Amino acid sequence: MDEIINKVANSSLEVFDLEDYYPIGNRTQIDISQWLTDGFILKEKDFREHLKQHDWTKYQDHFVAVFCSTDAILPAWASVLVTVHLAPFAKKIVDGNLQGLETFLYQEILPKIDYSKYENKAVIIKGCSKKPVPISAYVAAAQYLQPFAKSIMYGEACSAVPLYKKKN
């Protein structure tokens, strides 16, 4: 009887898992519409009073996305004023939704990685994720890996999709 050999475990494939770089911390969205009259009208005096009365400490060490869920037309300073109140407490604040927040966090992290360890290696960008890794992070990772990797695949070692192979 032939011995079963795990070729994946014995291969020289390098796995690049974006979850390894996922920043730990609470993610929170703040909807500006809660402080608008009828969710649409910004009355500066009322808006400032709402922000003054809000408990900003509950965002301590959070990653925060500031957005407006209605079609209200807001002055640019509205999000900036919310940010000024949040800044002493939040780890990071972005204008947009939670997906935009994740994109922003990876845009900060990925350029700081040392990709030289993937020099002339076959790399798999791990595709299955338990955390909300945005597609934009996979796109960026491929760009950063391409100058180093011999080949890049996406997915899992048992069923990887080839994306790139360096020409000799």
N, C-alpha and C. Protein backbone atom coordinates (compact mmCIF):
# COMPACT_ATOMS: atom_id res chain seq x y z
N MET A 1 0.85 -1.18 0.00
CA MET A 1 0.00 0.00 0.00
C MET A 1 0.89 1.24 0.00
N ASP A 2 0.59 2.18 -0.90
CA ASP A 2 1.38 3.41 -1.00
C ASP A 2 1.09 4.34 0.17
N GLU A 3 2.17 4.98 0.62
CA GLU A 3 2.05 5.95 1.71
C GLU A 3 1.41 7.22 1.18
N ILE A 4 0.52 7.82 1.97
CA ILE A 4 -0.11 9.09 1.58
C ILE A 4 0.83 10.22 1.98
N ILE A 5 1.17 11.04 1.02
CA ILE A 5 2.10 12.13 1.26
C ILE A 5 1.36 13.46 1.11
N ASN A 6 1.50 14.31 2.10
CA ASN A 6 0.89 15.63 2.06
C ASN A 6 1.82 16.55 1.28
N LYS A 7 1.54 16.69 -0.01
CA LYS A 7 2.40 17.50 -0.87
C LYS A 7 2.31 18.98 -0.54
N VAL A 8 1.14 19.42 -0.05
CA VAL A 8 0.97 20.82 0.31
C VAL A 8 1.88 21.17 1.49
N ALA A 9 1.87 20.32 2.51
CA ALA A 9 2.70 20.59 3.70
C ALA A 9 4.19 20.55 3.37
N ASN A 10 4.57 19.74 2.40
CA ASN A 10 5.98 19.61 2.04
C ASN A 10 6.42 20.57 0.95
N SER A 11 5.51 21.37 0.44
CA SER A 11 5.87 22.27 -0.66
C SER A 11 6.60 23.50 -0.13
N SER A 12 7.17 24.25 -1.05
CA SER A 12 7.88 25.48 -0.69
C SER A 12 6.97 26.70 -0.80
N LEU A 13 5.68 26.47 -0.85
CA LEU A 13 4.73 27.57 -0.94
C LEU A 13 4.77 28.43 0.31
N GLU A 14 4.73 29.74 0.10
CA GLU A 14 4.64 30.69 1.21
C GLU A 14 3.23 31.24 1.22
N VAL A 15 2.60 31.22 2.39
CA VAL A 15 1.24 31.74 2.51
C VAL A 15 1.30 33.16 3.04
N PHE A 16 0.66 34.06 2.33
CA PHE A 16 0.53 35.45 2.77
C PHE A 16 -0.91 35.62 3.23
N ASP A 17 -1.10 35.68 4.54
CA ASP A 17 -2.43 35.74 5.13
C ASP A 17 -2.69 37.15 5.65
N LEU A 18 -3.60 37.85 5.01
CA LEU A 18 -3.90 39.22 5.40
C LEU A 18 -4.48 39.31 6.81
N GLU A 19 -5.09 38.23 7.29
CA GLU A 19 -5.60 38.23 8.67
C GLU A 19 -4.46 38.39 9.69
N ASP A 20 -3.26 37.97 9.32
CA ASP A 20 -2.12 38.13 10.23
C ASP A 20 -1.82 39.60 10.52
N TYR A 21 -2.28 40.47 9.65
CA TYR A 21 -2.00 41.90 9.78
C TYR A 21 -3.23 42.70 10.20
N TYR A 22 -4.31 41.99 10.50
CA TYR A 22 -5.57 42.65 10.87
C TYR A 22 -5.40 43.35 12.22
N PRO A 23 -5.61 44.66 12.25
CA PRO A 23 -5.44 45.38 13.52
C PRO A 23 -6.53 45.01 14.53
N ILE A 24 -6.09 44.67 15.72
CA ILE A 24 -7.03 44.31 16.78
C ILE A 24 -7.64 45.58 17.35
N GLY A 25 -8.93 45.55 17.56
CA GLY A 25 -9.62 46.68 18.15
C GLY A 25 -11.06 46.75 17.68
N ASN A 26 -11.87 47.43 18.45
CA ASN A 26 -13.27 47.60 18.11
C ASN A 26 -13.44 48.53 16.92
N ARG A 27 -14.37 48.16 16.06
CA ARG A 27 -14.75 49.00 14.93
C ARG A 27 -16.12 49.58 15.23
N THR A 28 -16.27 50.87 14.99
CA THR A 28 -17.53 51.55 15.28
C THR A 28 -17.86 52.51 14.15
N GLN A 29 -19.15 52.60 13.84
CA GLN A 29 -19.63 53.60 12.88
C GLN A 29 -20.39 54.66 13.66
N ILE A 30 -20.18 55.90 13.31
CA ILE A 30 -20.97 56.98 13.88
C ILE A 30 -21.74 57.63 12.75
N ASP A 31 -23.05 57.62 12.89
CA ASP A 31 -23.94 58.19 11.88
C ASP A 31 -24.30 59.62 12.27
N ILE A 32 -23.82 60.56 11.49
CA ILE A 32 -24.06 61.98 11.76
C ILE A 32 -25.55 62.32 11.72
N SER A 33 -26.34 61.56 10.98
CA SER A 33 -27.76 61.90 10.83
C SER A 33 -28.50 61.91 12.17
N GLN A 34 -27.96 61.21 13.17
CA GLN A 34 -28.60 61.20 14.49
C GLN A 34 -28.63 62.59 15.14
N TRP A 35 -27.76 63.48 14.68
CA TRP A 35 -27.68 64.82 15.25
C TRP A 35 -28.26 65.88 14.33
N LEU A 36 -28.95 65.45 13.28
CA LEU A 36 -29.57 66.38 12.33
C LEU A 36 -31.08 66.44 12.59
N THR A 37 -31.66 67.58 12.37
CA THR A 37 -33.11 67.72 12.49
C THR A 37 -33.76 66.87 11.41
N ASP A 38 -34.63 65.97 11.84
CA ASP A 38 -35.31 65.01 10.94
C ASP A 38 -34.31 64.18 10.13
N GLY A 39 -33.07 64.08 10.59
CA GLY A 39 -32.05 63.29 9.92
C GLY A 39 -31.47 63.93 8.68
N PHE A 40 -31.93 65.15 8.35
CA PHE A 40 -31.50 65.79 7.10
C PHE A 40 -30.97 67.21 7.24
N ILE A 41 -31.43 67.93 8.22
CA ILE A 41 -31.12 69.36 8.30
C ILE A 41 -30.12 69.63 9.42
N LEU A 42 -28.99 70.22 9.04
CA LEU A 42 -28.00 70.57 10.03
C LEU A 42 -28.24 72.01 10.49
N LYS A 43 -28.64 72.11 11.76
CA LYS A 43 -28.75 73.42 12.39
C LYS A 43 -27.53 73.54 13.27
N GLU A 44 -26.64 74.43 12.92
CA GLU A 44 -25.33 74.48 13.55
C GLU A 44 -25.39 74.51 15.07
N LYS A 45 -26.21 75.37 15.64
CA LYS A 45 -26.28 75.50 17.10
C LYS A 45 -26.70 74.17 17.73
N ASP A 46 -27.76 73.55 17.18
CA ASP A 46 -28.24 72.27 17.71
C ASP A 46 -27.20 71.17 17.51
N PHE A 47 -26.59 71.16 16.35
CA PHE A 47 -25.58 70.15 16.03
C PHE A 47 -24.42 70.22 17.03
N ARG A 48 -23.92 71.42 17.25
CA ARG A 48 -22.82 71.61 18.21
C ARG A 48 -23.24 71.18 19.61
N GLU A 49 -24.46 71.46 19.99
CA GLU A 49 -24.94 71.09 21.33
C GLU A 49 -25.03 69.56 21.46
N HIS A 50 -25.52 68.90 20.42
CA HIS A 50 -25.58 67.42 20.44
C HIS A 50 -24.17 66.84 20.62
N LEU A 51 -23.22 67.36 19.88
CA LEU A 51 -21.85 66.86 19.97
C LEU A 51 -21.26 67.12 21.35
N LYS A 52 -21.58 68.28 21.90
CA LYS A 52 -21.08 68.64 23.24
C LYS A 52 -21.63 67.68 24.30
N GLN A 53 -22.88 67.26 24.14
CA GLN A 53 -23.55 66.40 25.13
C GLN A 53 -23.23 64.91 24.94
N HIS A 54 -22.71 64.54 23.80
CA HIS A 54 -22.46 63.12 23.50
C HIS A 54 -21.31 62.57 24.36
N ASP A 55 -21.44 61.30 24.76
CA ASP A 55 -20.39 60.64 25.55
C ASP A 55 -19.34 60.04 24.60
N TRP A 56 -18.29 60.77 24.37
CA TRP A 56 -17.24 60.35 23.44
C TRP A 56 -16.32 59.31 24.05
N THR A 57 -16.34 59.15 25.35
CA THR A 57 -15.44 58.19 26.01
C THR A 57 -15.75 56.75 25.61
N LYS A 58 -16.97 56.50 25.15
CA LYS A 58 -17.32 55.12 24.76
C LYS A 58 -16.59 54.66 23.50
N TYR A 59 -15.88 55.57 22.84
CA TYR A 59 -15.10 55.23 21.66
C TYR A 59 -13.61 55.10 21.98
N GLN A 60 -13.29 54.99 23.25
CA GLN A 60 -11.90 54.87 23.67
C GLN A 60 -11.24 53.69 22.97
N ASP A 61 -10.14 53.96 22.24
CA ASP A 61 -9.35 52.97 21.53
C ASP A 61 -10.11 52.23 20.42
N HIS A 62 -11.16 52.84 19.90
CA HIS A 62 -11.90 52.26 18.78
C HIS A 62 -11.33 52.79 17.46
N PHE A 63 -11.55 52.00 16.41
CA PHE A 63 -11.37 52.46 15.05
C PHE A 63 -12.76 52.93 14.62
N VAL A 64 -12.88 54.19 14.19
CA VAL A 64 -14.20 54.77 13.96
C VAL A 64 -14.38 55.26 12.53
N ALA A 65 -15.52 54.90 11.95
CA ALA A 65 -15.93 55.40 10.64
C ALA A 65 -17.06 56.39 10.87
N VAL A 66 -16.91 57.60 10.36
CA VAL A 66 -17.91 58.64 10.49
C VAL A 66 -18.62 58.77 9.14
N PHE A 67 -19.95 58.66 9.15
CA PHE A 67 -20.70 58.71 7.90
C PHE A 67 -22.08 59.31 8.16
N CYS A 68 -22.83 59.51 7.11
CA CYS A 68 -24.21 59.96 7.23
C CYS A 68 -25.08 59.00 6.42
N SER A 69 -26.05 58.40 7.08
CA SER A 69 -26.88 57.38 6.43
C SER A 69 -28.01 57.96 5.59
N THR A 70 -28.23 59.26 5.70
CA THR A 70 -29.28 59.89 4.89
C THR A 70 -28.65 60.63 3.72
N ASP A 71 -29.48 61.16 2.88
CA ASP A 71 -29.00 61.93 1.73
C ASP A 71 -28.82 63.41 2.07
N ALA A 72 -28.61 63.69 3.34
CA ALA A 72 -28.42 65.08 3.77
C ALA A 72 -27.21 65.68 3.07
N ILE A 73 -27.33 66.94 2.73
CA ILE A 73 -26.20 67.67 2.16
C ILE A 73 -25.53 68.39 3.32
N LEU A 74 -24.32 67.93 3.64
CA LEU A 74 -23.63 68.45 4.82
C LEU A 74 -22.43 69.30 4.44
N PRO A 75 -22.18 70.32 5.22
CA PRO A 75 -20.93 71.07 5.01
C PRO A 75 -19.75 70.19 5.41
N ALA A 76 -18.61 70.38 4.79
CA ALA A 76 -17.43 69.56 5.07
C ALA A 76 -17.04 69.63 6.54
N TRP A 77 -17.27 70.75 7.17
CA TRP A 77 -16.84 70.90 8.56
C TRP A 77 -17.61 70.01 9.52
N ALA A 78 -18.77 69.48 9.13
CA ALA A 78 -19.57 68.64 10.03
C ALA A 78 -18.79 67.38 10.44
N SER A 79 -18.25 66.67 9.48
CA SER A 79 -17.45 65.47 9.79
C SER A 79 -16.17 65.83 10.53
N VAL A 80 -15.61 66.97 10.17
CA VAL A 80 -14.37 67.41 10.83
C VAL A 80 -14.65 67.75 12.29
N LEU A 81 -15.79 68.36 12.56
CA LEU A 81 -16.14 68.69 13.95
C LEU A 81 -16.37 67.42 14.77
N VAL A 82 -17.02 66.44 14.19
CA VAL A 82 -17.18 65.15 14.88
C VAL A 82 -15.81 64.55 15.17
N THR A 83 -14.91 64.63 14.21
CA THR A 83 -13.55 64.11 14.37
C THR A 83 -12.82 64.80 15.51
N VAL A 84 -12.99 66.11 15.63
CA VAL A 84 -12.33 66.86 16.71
C VAL A 84 -12.79 66.35 18.08
N HIS A 85 -14.06 66.00 18.18
CA HIS A 85 -14.58 65.46 19.45
C HIS A 85 -14.08 64.03 19.69
N LEU A 86 -13.94 63.27 18.63
CA LEU A 86 -13.51 61.86 18.73
C LEU A 86 -12.02 61.69 18.97
N ALA A 87 -11.23 62.58 18.42
CA ALA A 87 -9.77 62.42 18.37
C ALA A 87 -9.11 62.09 19.71
N PRO A 88 -9.53 62.66 20.83
CA PRO A 88 -8.86 62.30 22.09
C PRO A 88 -9.10 60.85 22.52
N PHE A 89 -10.04 60.16 21.90
CA PHE A 89 -10.43 58.83 22.36
C PHE A 89 -10.15 57.72 21.34
N ALA A 90 -10.43 57.96 20.07
CA ALA A 90 -10.34 56.93 19.04
C ALA A 90 -8.91 56.67 18.61
N LYS A 91 -8.64 55.41 18.21
CA LYS A 91 -7.32 55.06 17.64
C LYS A 91 -7.15 55.64 16.26
N LYS A 92 -8.21 55.56 15.46
CA LYS A 92 -8.17 56.03 14.08
C LYS A 92 -9.60 56.42 13.69
N ILE A 93 -9.71 57.50 12.92
CA ILE A 93 -11.01 58.00 12.47
C ILE A 93 -10.94 58.18 10.96
N VAL A 94 -11.95 57.67 10.26
CA VAL A 94 -12.03 57.87 8.82
C VAL A 94 -13.42 58.35 8.44
N ASP A 95 -13.49 59.05 7.34
CA ASP A 95 -14.76 59.46 6.78
C ASP A 95 -15.24 58.33 5.89
N GLY A 96 -16.37 57.73 6.21
CA GLY A 96 -16.90 56.64 5.39
C GLY A 96 -17.49 55.54 6.25
N ASN A 97 -17.70 54.39 5.62
CA ASN A 97 -18.31 53.25 6.30
C ASN A 97 -17.24 52.29 6.85
N LEU A 98 -17.70 51.17 7.41
CA LEU A 98 -16.75 50.22 8.01
C LEU A 98 -15.83 49.58 6.97
N GLN A 99 -16.34 49.34 5.77
CA GLN A 99 -15.47 48.78 4.72
C GLN A 99 -14.38 49.78 4.36
N GLY A 100 -14.75 51.03 4.28
CA GLY A 100 -13.76 52.07 4.02
C GLY A 100 -12.73 52.16 5.13
N LEU A 101 -13.18 51.94 6.35
CA LEU A 101 -12.27 51.94 7.50
C LEU A 101 -11.26 50.80 7.36
N GLU A 102 -11.74 49.60 7.03
CA GLU A 102 -10.84 48.45 6.86
C GLU A 102 -9.85 48.72 5.73
N THR A 103 -10.33 49.28 4.65
CA THR A 103 -9.45 49.63 3.53
C THR A 103 -8.36 50.58 3.98
N PHE A 104 -8.74 51.61 4.70
CA PHE A 104 -7.79 52.60 5.18
C PHE A 104 -6.74 51.96 6.09
N LEU A 105 -7.18 51.09 6.99
CA LEU A 105 -6.24 50.44 7.92
C LEU A 105 -5.21 49.61 7.16
N TYR A 106 -5.67 48.85 6.17
CA TYR A 106 -4.72 48.04 5.37
C TYR A 106 -3.82 48.92 4.52
N GLN A 107 -4.33 50.06 4.05
CA GLN A 107 -3.47 50.98 3.28
C GLN A 107 -2.34 51.51 4.14
N GLU A 108 -2.56 51.60 5.42
CA GLU A 108 -1.49 52.02 6.33
C GLU A 108 -0.52 50.90 6.64
N ILE A 109 -1.02 49.69 6.78
CA ILE A 109 -0.22 48.54 7.23
C ILE A 109 0.63 47.93 6.10
N LEU A 110 0.02 47.68 4.95
CA LEU A 110 0.69 46.92 3.89
C LEU A 110 1.99 47.54 3.39
N PRO A 111 2.12 48.85 3.28
CA PRO A 111 3.41 49.39 2.80
C PRO A 111 4.56 49.18 3.79
N LYS A 112 4.25 48.88 5.03
CA LYS A 112 5.28 48.75 6.07
C LYS A 112 5.83 47.33 6.21
N ILE A 113 5.25 46.38 5.48
CA ILE A 113 5.67 44.98 5.57
C ILE A 113 6.94 44.77 4.76
N ASP A 114 7.84 43.92 5.28
CA ASP A 114 9.05 43.55 4.55
C ASP A 114 8.71 42.36 3.64
N TYR A 115 8.58 42.62 2.36
CA TYR A 115 8.20 41.60 1.39
C TYR A 115 9.41 40.83 0.86
N SER A 116 10.60 41.22 1.24
CA SER A 116 11.80 40.57 0.71
C SER A 116 11.88 39.09 1.07
N LYS A 117 11.19 38.67 2.12
CA LYS A 117 11.22 37.24 2.48
C LYS A 117 10.48 36.37 1.47
N TYR A 118 9.76 37.01 0.55
CA TYR A 118 9.04 36.29 -0.50
C TYR A 118 9.83 36.28 -1.82
N GLU A 119 11.07 36.74 -1.77
CA GLU A 119 11.93 36.83 -2.95
C GLU A 119 12.05 35.46 -3.63
N ASN A 120 11.66 35.40 -4.92
CA ASN A 120 11.73 34.19 -5.75
C ASN A 120 11.01 32.98 -5.16
N LYS A 121 9.92 33.23 -4.46
CA LYS A 121 9.14 32.14 -3.87
C LYS A 121 7.75 32.11 -4.48
N ALA A 122 7.15 30.95 -4.42
CA ALA A 122 5.75 30.79 -4.82
C ALA A 122 4.90 31.21 -3.62
N VAL A 123 4.03 32.18 -3.84
CA VAL A 123 3.25 32.75 -2.75
C VAL A 123 1.76 32.55 -3.01
N ILE A 124 1.07 32.16 -1.98
CA ILE A 124 -0.39 32.09 -2.04
C ILE A 124 -0.94 33.18 -1.14
N ILE A 125 -1.74 34.05 -1.72
CA ILE A 125 -2.46 35.02 -0.90
C ILE A 125 -3.70 34.28 -0.41
N LYS A 126 -3.73 34.02 0.90
CA LYS A 126 -4.81 33.23 1.48
C LYS A 126 -6.13 33.93 1.25
N GLY A 127 -7.07 33.18 0.71
CA GLY A 127 -8.34 33.77 0.31
C GLY A 127 -9.45 33.70 1.33
N CYS A 128 -9.52 32.64 2.09
CA CYS A 128 -10.61 32.52 3.06
C CYS A 128 -10.27 33.34 4.29
N SER A 129 -11.25 34.10 4.74
CA SER A 129 -10.99 35.00 5.84
C SER A 129 -12.15 34.99 6.83
N LYS A 130 -11.84 34.94 8.10
CA LYS A 130 -12.86 35.03 9.14
C LYS A 130 -13.08 36.47 9.56
N LYS A 131 -12.16 37.32 9.18
CA LYS A 131 -12.24 38.74 9.52
C LYS A 131 -12.61 39.52 8.26
N PRO A 132 -13.15 40.72 8.43
CA PRO A 132 -13.59 41.51 7.26
C PRO A 132 -12.44 42.16 6.50
N VAL A 133 -11.69 41.34 5.80
CA VAL A 133 -10.58 41.85 4.98
C VAL A 133 -11.16 42.32 3.66
N PRO A 134 -11.01 43.60 3.31
CA PRO A 134 -11.59 44.10 2.07
C PRO A 134 -10.83 43.63 0.83
N ILE A 135 -11.52 43.55 -0.28
CA ILE A 135 -10.90 43.16 -1.55
C ILE A 135 -9.72 44.08 -1.85
N SER A 136 -9.85 45.34 -1.50
CA SER A 136 -8.77 46.30 -1.77
C SER A 136 -7.46 45.87 -1.11
N ALA A 137 -7.54 45.19 0.02
CA ALA A 137 -6.32 44.71 0.69
C ALA A 137 -5.66 43.59 -0.12
N TYR A 138 -6.46 42.73 -0.74
CA TYR A 138 -5.92 41.66 -1.59
C TYR A 138 -5.26 42.27 -2.83
N VAL A 139 -5.92 43.29 -3.38
CA VAL A 139 -5.38 43.97 -4.56
C VAL A 139 -4.03 44.59 -4.22
N ALA A 140 -3.97 45.29 -3.10
CA ALA A 140 -2.72 45.94 -2.68
C ALA A 140 -1.64 44.90 -2.38
N ALA A 141 -2.01 43.82 -1.69
CA ALA A 141 -1.04 42.78 -1.35
C ALA A 141 -0.40 42.20 -2.61
N ALA A 142 -1.20 41.96 -3.63
CA ALA A 142 -0.66 41.42 -4.89
C ALA A 142 0.35 42.39 -5.49
N GLN A 143 0.06 43.68 -5.43
CA GLN A 143 0.98 44.68 -5.98
C GLN A 143 2.30 44.71 -5.22
N TYR A 144 2.22 44.60 -3.90
CA TYR A 144 3.44 44.63 -3.09
C TYR A 144 4.25 43.34 -3.24
N LEU A 145 3.58 42.21 -3.44
CA LEU A 145 4.27 40.93 -3.56
C LEU A 145 4.89 40.72 -4.95
N GLN A 146 4.28 41.26 -5.98
CA GLN A 146 4.70 40.97 -7.36
C GLN A 146 6.18 41.24 -7.65
N PRO A 147 6.77 42.33 -7.18
CA PRO A 147 8.19 42.53 -7.48
C PRO A 147 9.11 41.48 -6.84
N PHE A 148 8.63 40.76 -5.86
CA PHE A 148 9.46 39.80 -5.13
C PHE A 148 9.16 38.35 -5.49
N ALA A 149 7.91 38.01 -5.58
CA ALA A 149 7.50 36.60 -5.72
C ALA A 149 7.83 36.02 -7.09
N LYS A 150 8.15 34.72 -7.10
CA LYS A 150 8.33 33.99 -8.35
C LYS A 150 6.96 33.76 -8.98
N SER A 151 5.97 33.47 -8.13
CA SER A 151 4.60 33.32 -8.60
C SER A 151 3.65 33.70 -7.47
N ILE A 152 2.46 34.11 -7.86
CA ILE A 152 1.43 34.47 -6.89
C ILE A 152 0.16 33.73 -7.25
N MET A 153 -0.44 33.13 -6.23
CA MET A 153 -1.72 32.46 -6.38
C MET A 153 -2.67 33.01 -5.34
N TYR A 154 -3.95 32.73 -5.53
CA TYR A 154 -4.96 33.19 -4.59
C TYR A 154 -5.79 32.00 -4.15
N GLY A 155 -6.11 31.93 -2.87
CA GLY A 155 -6.99 30.88 -2.36
C GLY A 155 -6.30 30.06 -1.30
N GLU A 156 -6.44 28.74 -1.44
CA GLU A 156 -5.83 27.78 -0.53
C GLU A 156 -4.89 26.89 -1.34
N ALA A 157 -3.91 26.31 -0.67
CA ALA A 157 -2.91 25.51 -1.37
C ALA A 157 -3.53 24.36 -2.17
N CYS A 158 -4.63 23.83 -1.68
CA CYS A 158 -5.26 22.69 -2.36
C CYS A 158 -6.06 23.11 -3.58
N SER A 159 -6.37 24.40 -3.69
CA SER A 159 -7.19 24.85 -4.83
C SER A 159 -6.89 26.31 -5.17
N ALA A 160 -5.63 26.60 -5.37
CA ALA A 160 -5.21 27.98 -5.62
C ALA A 160 -5.44 28.39 -7.07
N VAL A 161 -5.79 29.63 -7.25
CA VAL A 161 -5.97 30.20 -8.59
C VAL A 161 -4.68 30.94 -8.94
N PRO A 162 -4.01 30.56 -10.04
CA PRO A 162 -2.78 31.26 -10.42
C PRO A 162 -3.09 32.68 -10.88
N LEU A 163 -2.29 33.64 -10.39
CA LEU A 163 -2.48 35.04 -10.74
C LEU A 163 -1.30 35.62 -11.50
N TYR A 164 -0.10 35.18 -11.15
CA TYR A 164 1.09 35.80 -11.69
C TYR A 164 2.24 34.81 -11.69
N LYS A 165 3.04 34.85 -12.73
CA LYS A 165 4.28 34.05 -12.78
C LYS A 165 5.34 34.92 -13.41
N LYS A 166 6.46 35.06 -12.70
CA LYS A 166 7.57 35.90 -13.17
C LYS A 166 8.17 35.28 -14.43
N LYS A 167 8.44 36.14 -15.39
CA LYS A 167 9.07 35.68 -16.63
C LYS A 167 10.57 35.55 -16.41
N ASN A 168 11.15 34.53 -17.01
CA ASN A 168 12.60 34.32 -16.84
C ASN A 168 13.41 35.26 -17.67
